[in-house]
PDB file of N, CA and C in Angstrom:
ATOM      1  N   MET A   1      94.302  63.484 115.695  1.00  0.00           N
ATOM      2  CA  MET A   1      94.744  61.908 116.783  1.00  0.00           C
ATOM      3  C   MET A   1      94.947  63.278 117.903  1.00  0.00           C
ATOM      4  N   ALA A   2      94.207  63.187 119.048  1.00  0.00           N
ATOM      5  CA  ALA A   2      94.532  63.385 120.123  1.00  0.00           C
ATOM      6  C   ALA A   2      95.770  63.298 120.937  1.00  0.00           C
ATOM      7  N   ASN A   3      96.525  64.093 121.501  1.00  0.00           N
ATOM      8  CA  ASN A   3      97.494  64.009 122.290  1.00  0.00           C
ATOM      9  C   ASN A   3      97.524  64.541 123.373  1.00  0.00           C
ATOM     10  N   ILE A   4      96.223  65.545 123.759  1.00  0.00           N
ATOM     11  CA  ILE A   4      96.367  65.943 125.134  1.00  0.00           C
ATOM     12  C   ILE A   4      95.485  65.196 125.911  1.00  0.00           C
ATOM     13  N   GLY A   5      96.024  64.754 127.354  1.00  0.00           N
ATOM     14  CA  GLY A   5      94.961  64.543 128.042  1.00  0.00           C
ATOM     15  C   GLY A   5      94.124  65.379 128.784  1.00  0.00           C
ATOM     16  N   SER A   6      93.135  64.134 129.606  1.00  0.00           N
ATOM     17  CA  SER A   6      92.385  65.083 130.546  1.00  0.00           C
ATOM     18  C   SER A   6      93.122  65.990 131.292  1.00  0.00           C
ATOM     19  N   ALA A   7      93.909  65.841 132.152  1.00  0.00           N
ATOM     20  CA  ALA A   7      94.475  67.063 132.981  1.00  0.00           C
ATOM     21  C   ALA A   7      95.292  67.720 132.246  1.00  0.00           C
ATOM     22  N   ASP A   8      96.364  67.901 131.697  1.00  0.00           N
ATOM     23  CA  ASP A   8      97.051  68.502 130.647  1.00  0.00           C
ATOM     24  C   ASP A   8      95.915  69.224 130.057  1.00  0.00           C
ATOM     25  N   ARG A   9      94.645  69.094 129.907  1.00  0.00           N
ATOM     26  CA  ARG A   9      93.624  69.716 128.952  1.00  0.00           C
ATOM     27  C   ARG A   9      93.436  70.443 130.214  1.00  0.00           C
ATOM     28  N   THR A  10      92.716  70.393 131.304  1.00  0.00           N
ATOM     29  CA  THR A  10      92.780  71.436 132.671  1.00  0.00           C
ATOM     30  C   THR A  10      93.441  72.020 132.809  1.00  0.00           C
ATOM     31  N   ILE A  11      94.967  71.783 132.762  1.00  0.00           N
ATOM     32  CA  ILE A  11      95.473  73.007 133.207  1.00  0.00           C
ATOM     33  C   ILE A  11      96.133  73.914 132.399  1.00  0.00           C
ATOM     34  N   ARG A  12      95.966  73.693 130.418  1.00  0.00           N
ATOM     35  CA  ARG A  12      95.958  73.759 129.809  1.00  0.00           C
ATOM     36  C   ARG A  12      94.694  75.018 129.617  1.00  0.00           C
ATOM     37  N   PHE A  13      93.338  74.831 130.172  1.00  0.00           N
ATOM     38  CA  PHE A  13      92.392  75.953 130.144  1.00  0.00           C
ATOM     39  C   PHE A  13      92.621  77.043 131.364  1.00  0.00           C
ATOM     40  N   VAL A  14      92.966  76.401 132.394  1.00  0.00           N
ATOM     41  CA  VAL A  14      92.925  77.311 133.643  1.00  0.00           C
ATOM     42  C   VAL A  14      93.820  78.046 133.313  1.00  0.00           C
ATOM     43  N   ILE A  15      95.150  77.909 132.846  1.00  0.00           N
ATOM     44  CA  ILE A  15      96.560  78.854 132.566  1.00  0.00           C
ATOM     45  C   ILE A  15      96.023  79.668 131.503  1.00  0.00           C
ATOM     46  N   GLY A  16      95.567  79.139 130.562  1.00  0.00           N
ATOM     47  CA  GLY A  16      95.283  80.105 129.211  1.00  0.00           C
ATOM     48  C   GLY A  16      93.852  81.079 129.240  1.00  0.00           C
ATOM     49  N   PHE A  17      93.117  80.564 130.514  1.00  0.00           N
ATOM     50  CA  PHE A  17      91.980  81.546 130.714  1.00  0.00           C
ATOM     51  C   PHE A  17      92.865  82.486 131.711  1.00  0.00           C
ATOM     52  N   LEU A  18      93.402  82.247 132.895  1.00  0.00           N
ATOM     53  CA  LEU A  18      94.251  83.456 133.151  1.00  0.00           C
ATOM     54  C   LEU A  18      94.612  84.556 132.605  1.00  0.00           C
ATOM     55  N   LEU A  19      95.822  83.819 131.957  1.00  0.00           N
ATOM     56  CA  LEU A  19      96.767  84.264 130.845  1.00  0.00           C
ATOM     57  C   LEU A  19      95.605  85.553 130.043  1.00  0.00           C
ATOM     58  N   ILE A  20      94.711  85.044 129.769  1.00  0.00           N
ATOM     59  CA  ILE A  20      93.334  85.609 128.656  1.00  0.00           C
ATOM     60  C   ILE A  20      93.315  87.003 129.395  1.00  0.00           C
ATOM     61  N   VAL A  21      92.707  86.639 131.202  1.00  0.00           N
ATOM     62  CA  VAL A  21      91.934  87.591 131.630  1.00  0.00           C
ATOM     63  C   VAL A  21      92.571  88.589 132.510  1.00  0.00           C
ATOM     64  N   LEU A  22      93.872  88.136 133.158  1.00  0.00           N
ATOM     65  CA  LEU A  22      94.552  88.862 134.418  1.00  0.00           C
ATOM     66  C   LEU A  22      94.642  90.185 133.664  1.00  0.00           C
ATOM     67  N   PRO A  23      95.461  90.092 132.705  1.00  0.00           N
ATOM     68  CA  PRO A  23      96.213  91.523 132.230  1.00  0.00           C
ATOM     69  C   PRO A  23      94.709  92.400 132.541  1.00  0.00           C
ATOM     70  N   PHE A  24      93.870  92.409 131.854  1.00  0.00           N
ATOM     71  CA  PHE A  24      92.539  93.336 131.928  1.00  0.00           C
ATOM     72  C   PHE A  24      91.669  94.020 133.505  1.00  0.00           C
ATOM     73  N   ILE A  25      92.353  93.075 134.264  1.00  0.00           N
ATOM     74  CA  ILE A  25      91.347  93.230 135.556  1.00  0.00           C
ATOM     75  C   ILE A  25      92.093  94.194 136.337  1.00  0.00           C
ATOM     76  N   ALA A  26      91.513  94.978 136.865  1.00  0.00           N
ATOM     77  CA  ALA A  26      92.232  96.383 137.581  1.00  0.00           C
ATOM     78  C   ALA A  26      93.104  96.058 138.549  1.00  0.00           C
ATOM     79  N   PRO A  27      92.881  94.846 139.632  1.00  0.00           N
ATOM     80  CA  PRO A  27      94.158  94.335 140.742  1.00  0.00           C
ATOM     81  C   PRO A  27      95.156  94.260 139.817  1.00  0.00           C
ATOM     82  N   THR A  28      95.095  92.727 138.995  1.00  0.00           N
ATOM     83  CA  THR A  28      96.373  92.642 138.603  1.00  0.00           C
ATOM     84  C   THR A  28      96.820  93.276 136.974  1.00  0.00           C
ATOM     85  N   ALA A  29      96.394  94.259 136.572  1.00  0.00           N
ATOM     86  CA  ALA A  29      96.759  95.122 135.246  1.00  0.00           C
ATOM     87  C   ALA A  29      97.897  95.766 135.597  1.00  0.00           C
ATOM     88  N   SER A  30      98.184  96.128 137.089  1.00  0.00           N
ATOM     89  CA  SER A  30      99.186  96.540 137.063  1.00  0.00           C
ATOM     90  C   SER A  30     100.303  95.953 137.138  1.00  0.00           C
ATOM     91  N   TRP A  31     100.577  94.715 136.978  1.00  0.00           N
ATOM     92  CA  TRP A  31     101.462  93.425 137.253  1.00  0.00           C
ATOM     93  C   TRP A  31     101.903  93.968 135.716  1.00  0.00           C
ATOM     94  N   PHE A  32     100.911  93.502 134.723  1.00  0.00           N
ATOM     95  CA  PHE A  32     100.951  93.713 133.009  1.00  0.00           C
ATOM     96  C   PHE A  32     101.576  94.646 132.625  1.00  0.00           C
ATOM     97  N   ALA A  33     101.492  96.246 133.346  1.00  0.00           N
ATOM     98  CA  ALA A  33     101.429  97.160 132.621  1.00  0.00           C
ATOM     99  C   ALA A  33     102.894  97.795 132.524  1.00  0.00           C
ATOM    100  N   PRO A  34     104.019  97.465 133.106  1.00  0.00           N
ATOM    101  CA  PRO A  34     105.615  97.422 132.748  1.00  0.00           C
ATOM    102  C   PRO A  34     106.141  96.887 131.761  1.00  0.00           C
ATOM    103  N   LEU A  35     104.821  95.947 131.009  1.00  0.00           N
ATOM    104  CA  LEU A  35     105.473  95.088 130.182  1.00  0.00           C
ATOM    105  C   LEU A  35     104.908  95.427 128.426  1.00  0.00           C
ATOM    106  N   GLY A  36     104.293  96.632 128.720  1.00  0.00           N
ATOM    107  CA  GLY A  36     104.012  97.107 127.294  1.00  0.00           C
ATOM    108  C   GLY A  36     103.337  96.708 126.247  1.00  0.00           C
ATOM    109  N   ASN A  37     103.768  96.553 125.164  1.00  0.00           N
ATOM    110  CA  ASN A  37     102.738  96.012 124.154  1.00  0.00           C
ATOM    111  C   ASN A  37     102.791  94.558 125.039  1.00  0.00           C
ATOM    112  N   TRP A  38     104.242  93.750 125.210  1.00  0.00           N
ATOM    113  CA  TRP A  38     104.181  92.518 125.810  1.00  0.00           C
ATOM    114  C   TRP A  38     102.956  91.920 126.258  1.00  0.00           C
ATOM    115  N   THR A  39     102.354  92.655 127.044  1.00  0.00           N
ATOM    116  CA  THR A  39     100.975  92.189 126.926  1.00  0.00           C
ATOM    117  C   THR A  39     100.138  91.527 126.244  1.00  0.00           C
ATOM    118  N   TRP A  40     100.229  92.126 125.293  1.00  0.00           N
ATOM    119  CA  TRP A  40      99.478  91.128 123.993  1.00  0.00           C
ATOM    120  C   TRP A  40      99.506  89.794 123.572  1.00  0.00           C
ATOM    121  N   VAL A  41     101.263  89.899 124.112  1.00  0.00           N
ATOM    122  CA  VAL A  41     102.086  88.339 123.801  1.00  0.00           C
ATOM    123  C   VAL A  41     101.298  87.303 124.908  1.00  0.00           C
ATOM    124  N   VAL A  42     101.323  87.805 126.175  1.00  0.00           N
ATOM    125  CA  VAL A  42     100.913  87.116 126.992  1.00  0.00           C
ATOM    126  C   VAL A  42      99.681  86.439 126.422  1.00  0.00           C
ATOM    127  N   VAL A  43      98.421  87.627 126.093  1.00  0.00           N
ATOM    128  CA  VAL A  43      97.030  87.051 126.448  1.00  0.00           C
ATOM    129  C   VAL A  43      97.395  86.001 124.985  1.00  0.00           C
ATOM    130  N   ALA A  44      98.058  86.099 123.526  1.00  0.00           N
ATOM    131  CA  ALA A  44      98.037  85.146 122.621  1.00  0.00           C
ATOM    132  C   ALA A  44      98.507  84.281 122.967  1.00  0.00           C
ATOM    133  N   VAL A  45      99.588  84.265 124.097  1.00  0.00           N
ATOM    134  CA  VAL A  45      99.604  82.621 124.386  1.00  0.00           C
ATOM    135  C   VAL A  45      98.566  81.759 125.326  1.00  0.00           C
ATOM    136  N   GLY A  46      97.789  83.092 126.305  1.00  0.00           N
ATOM    137  CA  GLY A  46      96.754  82.592 126.577  1.00  0.00           C
ATOM    138  C   GLY A  46      95.492  81.683 125.510  1.00  0.00           C
ATOM    139  N   ILE A  47      95.556  82.921 124.547  1.00  0.00           N
ATOM    140  CA  ILE A  47      94.733  82.356 123.055  1.00  0.00           C
ATOM    141  C   ILE A  47      95.022  80.459 122.854  1.00  0.00           C
ATOM    142  N   VAL A  48      96.049  80.621 122.715  1.00  0.00           N
ATOM    143  CA  VAL A  48      96.894  79.386 122.157  1.00  0.00           C
ATOM    144  C   VAL A  48      96.115  78.180 122.542  1.00  0.00           C
ATOM    145  N   MET A  49      97.062  78.470 124.617  1.00  0.00           N
ATOM    146  CA  MET A  49      96.351  76.851 125.270  1.00  0.00           C
ATOM    147  C   MET A  49      95.062  77.275 125.424  1.00  0.00           C
ATOM    148  N   VAL A  50      94.245  77.596 125.083  1.00  0.00           N
ATOM    149  CA  VAL A  50      93.149  77.175 125.443  1.00  0.00           C
ATOM    150  C   VAL A  50      92.079  76.708 123.898  1.00  0.00           C
ATOM    151  N   VAL A  51      92.968  77.273 123.051  1.00  0.00           N
ATOM    152  CA  VAL A  51      92.218  76.368 121.386  1.00  0.00           C
ATOM    153  C   VAL A  51      93.299  75.137 121.558  1.00  0.00           C
ATOM    154  N   THR A  52      94.275  75.351 122.079  1.00  0.00           N
ATOM    155  CA  THR A  52      94.625  73.376 121.962  1.00  0.00           C
ATOM    156  C   THR A  52      94.182  72.882 122.867  1.00  0.00           C
ATOM    157  N   ALA A  53      93.768  73.390 124.206  1.00  0.00           N
ATOM    158  CA  ALA A  53      92.828  72.451 125.524  1.00  0.00           C
ATOM    159  C   ALA A  53      91.585  71.628 124.344  1.00  0.00           C
ATOM    160  N   ALA A  54      90.769  72.790 124.062  1.00  0.00           N
ATOM    161  CA  ALA A  54      89.645  72.434 122.999  1.00  0.00           C
ATOM    162  C   ALA A  54      90.247  71.507 122.165  1.00  0.00           C
ATOM    163  N   LEU A  55      90.920  72.010 121.502  1.00  0.00           N
ATOM    164  CA  LEU A  55      90.908  70.949 120.201  1.00  0.00           C
ATOM    165  C   LEU A  55      91.358  69.495 120.566  1.00  0.00           C
ATOM    166  N   ARG A  56      92.195  69.312 122.048  1.00  0.00           N
ATOM    167  CA  ARG A  56      93.291  68.307 122.428  1.00  0.00           C
ATOM    168  C   ARG A  56      94.367  67.595 121.842  1.00  0.00           C
ATOM    169  N   ILE A  57      94.626  68.940 120.874  1.00  0.00           N
ATOM    170  CA  ILE A  57      95.702  68.741 119.815  1.00  0.00           C
ATOM    171  C   ILE A  57      97.182  69.429 120.090  1.00  0.00           C
ATOM    172  N   CYS A  58      98.177  69.368 120.584  1.00  0.00           N
ATOM    173  CA  CYS A  58      99.480  70.129 120.517  1.00  0.00           C
ATOM    174  C   CYS A  58     100.420  69.804 119.483  1.00  0.00           C
ATOM    175  N   PRO A  59     100.479  70.830 118.499  1.00  0.00           N
ATOM    176  CA  PRO A  59     101.804  70.850 117.510  1.00  0.00           C
ATOM    177  C   PRO A  59     103.013  70.419 117.805  1.00  0.00           C
ATOM    178  N   ALA A  60     103.137  71.012 119.111  1.00  0.00           N
ATOM    179  CA  ALA A  60     104.681  70.784 119.664  1.00  0.00           C
ATOM    180  C   ALA A  60     104.957  69.375 120.158  1.00  0.00           C
ATOM    181  N   TYR A  61     103.653  68.597 120.526  1.00  0.00           N
ATOM    182  CA  TYR A  61     103.695  67.087 121.115  1.00  0.00           C
ATOM    183  C   TYR A  61     103.869  66.709 119.976  1.00  0.00           C
ATOM    184  N   ALA A  62     103.165  66.443 118.730  1.00  0.00           N
ATOM    185  CA  ALA A  62     103.282  66.120 117.563  1.00  0.00           C
ATOM    186  C   ALA A  62     104.332  66.309 117.004  1.00  0.00           C
ATOM    187  N   VAL A  63     105.297  66.992 117.179  1.00  0.00           N
ATOM    188  CA  VAL A  63     106.949  67.075 116.544  1.00  0.00           C
ATOM    189  C   VAL A  63     107.417  66.319 117.170  1.00  0.00           C
ATOM    190  N   PHE A  64     107.140  66.217 118.459  1.00  0.00           N
ATOM    191  CA  PHE A  64     108.772  65.601 119.811  1.00  0.00           C
ATOM    192  C   PHE A  64     107.665  64.462 120.049  1.00  0.00           C
ATOM    193  N   GLY A  65     106.335  63.895 119.391  1.00  0.00           N
ATOM    194  CA  GLY A  65     106.325  62.512 119.722  1.00  0.00           C
ATOM    195  C   GLY A  65     105.572  62.167 120.943  1.00  0.00           C
ATOM    196  N   ILE A  66     105.266  63.304 121.565  1.00  0.00           N
ATOM    197  CA  ILE A  66     104.802  63.329 123.058  1.00  0.00           C
ATOM    198  C   ILE A  66     103.222  63.023 123.299  1.00  0.00           C
ATOM    199  N   THR A  67     102.416  62.327 123.924  1.00  0.00           N
ATOM    200  CA  THR A  67     101.083  62.381 124.356  1.00  0.00           C
ATOM    201  C   THR A  67     100.923  62.328 125.566  1.00  0.00           C
ATOM    202  N   SER A  68     100.294  63.099 125.877  1.00  0.00           N
ATOM    203  CA  SER A  68      99.688  63.086 127.773  1.00  0.00           C
ATOM    204  C   SER A  68      98.459  62.237 127.857  1.00  0.00           C
ATOM    205  N   CYS A  69      97.906  61.712 126.794  1.00  0.00           N
ATOM    206  CA  CYS A  69      96.638  60.727 126.968  1.00  0.00           C
ATOM    207  C   CYS A  69      97.079  58.827 127.173  1.00  0.00           C
ATOM    208  N   PRO A  70      96.460  58.896 127.925  1.00  0.00           N
ATOM    209  CA  PRO A  70      96.231  57.440 128.473  1.00  0.00           C
ATOM    210  C   PRO A  70      95.958  56.002 127.518  1.00  0.00           C
ATOM    211  N   ARG A  71      97.370  55.526 127.665  1.00  0.00           N
ATOM    212  CA  ARG A  71      97.708  54.901 126.628  1.00  0.00           C
ATOM    213  C   ARG A  71      96.295  53.529 126.570  1.00  0.00           C
ATOM    214  N   LYS A  72      95.943  53.297 125.437  1.00  0.00           N
ATOM    215  CA  LYS A  72      95.156  52.273 125.418  1.00  0.00           C
ATOM    216  C   LYS A  72      95.676  50.189 125.028  1.00  0.00           C
TER     217      LYS A  72
END
């Protein structure tokens, strides 16, 4: 059962995509350089955000009983 609404889904896609791409683009790579291997954690968080947006299911929302879907 979906628990992510349209606005939440769009925000997750955009932020997730940016977290995946920005560490590897030349102008912004220097921002992530001091993080060292933690850069991969940033990328992993981005991947999780994109996957949850694509599936429209957030496990954390399910645990806490939160939904951003409009009520029917």
